[in-house]
């Protein structure tokens, strides 16, 4: 029973760390979106 509880708690900790590192206003997902938008604007300004 104790090993099951420890496993569940470890999985919960991993999920929380994953969500905090990717989500949120300063997360990786937001940074990738911002960088992609900036790169898109740069590409659109190129005059062939």
C-alpha atoms as a PDB file:
ATOM      1  CA  UNK A   1       0.000   0.000   0.000  1.00  0.00           C
ATOM      2  CA  UNK A   2       2.830   2.379   0.836  1.00  0.00           C
ATOM      3  CA  UNK A   3       4.567   1.809  -2.501  1.00  0.00           C
ATOM      4  CA  UNK A   4       1.338   2.570  -4.384  1.00  0.00           C
ATOM      5  CA  UNK A   5       0.912   5.816  -2.433  1.00  0.00           C
ATOM      6  CA  UNK A   6       4.522   6.841  -3.105  1.00  0.00           C
ATOM      7  CA  UNK A   7       4.120   6.057  -6.807  1.00  0.00           C
ATOM      8  CA  UNK A   8       0.948   8.135  -7.065  1.00  0.00           C
ATOM      9  CA  UNK A   9       2.563  11.048  -5.228  1.00  0.00           C
ATOM     10  CA  UNK A  10       5.635  10.891  -7.475  1.00  0.00           C
ATOM     11  CA  UNK A  11       3.456  10.910 -10.590  1.00  0.00           C
ATOM     12  CA  UNK A  12       1.538  13.916  -9.245  1.00  0.00           C
ATOM     13  CA  UNK A  13       4.791  15.798  -8.587  1.00  0.00           C
ATOM     14  CA  UNK A  14       6.043  15.068 -12.103  1.00  0.00           C
ATOM     15  CA  UNK A  15       2.771  16.308 -13.611  1.00  0.00           C
ATOM     16  CA  UNK A  16       2.858  19.520 -11.558  1.00  0.00           C
ATOM     17  CA  UNK A  17       6.480  20.240 -12.505  1.00  0.00           C
ATOM     18  CA  UNK A  18       5.708  19.543 -16.175  1.00  0.00           C
ATOM     19  CA  UNK A  19       2.702  21.894 -16.149  1.00  0.00           C
ATOM     20  CA  UNK A  20       4.608  24.684 -14.427  1.00  0.00           C
ATOM     21  CA  UNK A  21       7.566  24.460 -16.783  1.00  0.00           C
ATOM     22  CA  UNK A  22       5.441  24.475 -19.954  1.00  0.00           C
ATOM     23  CA  UNK A  23       2.340  26.382 -18.928  1.00  0.00           C
ATOM     24  CA  UNK A  24       1.823  29.825 -17.523  1.00  0.00           C
ATOM     25  CA  UNK A  25       2.696  33.239 -18.879  1.00  0.00           C
ATOM     26  CA  UNK A  26       6.450  32.621 -18.676  1.00  0.00           C
ATOM     27  CA  UNK A  27       6.398  28.959 -19.640  1.00  0.00           C
ATOM     28  CA  UNK A  28       8.124  27.338 -22.572  1.00  0.00           C
ATOM     29  CA  UNK A  29       4.905  27.186 -24.595  1.00  0.00           C
ATOM     30  CA  UNK A  30       4.405  30.958 -24.307  1.00  0.00           C
ATOM     31  CA  UNK A  31       8.043  31.635 -25.192  1.00  0.00           C
ATOM     32  CA  UNK A  32       7.812  29.440 -28.295  1.00  0.00           C
ATOM     33  CA  UNK A  33       4.615  31.220 -29.358  1.00  0.00           C
ATOM     34  CA  UNK A  34       6.226  34.647 -28.889  1.00  0.00           C
ATOM     35  CA  UNK A  35       9.382  33.648 -30.753  1.00  0.00           C
ATOM     36  CA  UNK A  36       7.336  32.125 -33.575  1.00  0.00           C
ATOM     37  CA  UNK A  37       5.257  35.283 -33.934  1.00  0.00           C
ATOM     38  CA  UNK A  38       8.396  37.431 -34.016  1.00  0.00           C
ATOM     39  CA  UNK A  39      10.015  35.167 -36.616  1.00  0.00           C
ATOM     40  CA  UNK A  40       6.840  35.218 -38.700  1.00  0.00           C
ATOM     41  CA  UNK A  41       6.863  39.017 -38.690  1.00  0.00           C
ATOM     42  CA  UNK A  42      10.512  39.034 -39.755  1.00  0.00           C
ATOM     43  CA  UNK A  43       9.824  36.656 -42.635  1.00  0.00           C
ATOM     44  CA  UNK A  44       6.826  38.702 -43.776  1.00  0.00           C
ATOM     45  CA  UNK A  45       8.959  41.873 -43.914  1.00  0.00           C
ATOM     46  CA  UNK A  46      11.486  40.307 -46.308  1.00  0.00           C
ATOM     47  CA  UNK A  47      11.156  41.984 -49.690  1.00  0.00           C
ATOM     48  CA  UNK A  48      12.144  39.586 -52.473  1.00  0.00           C
END
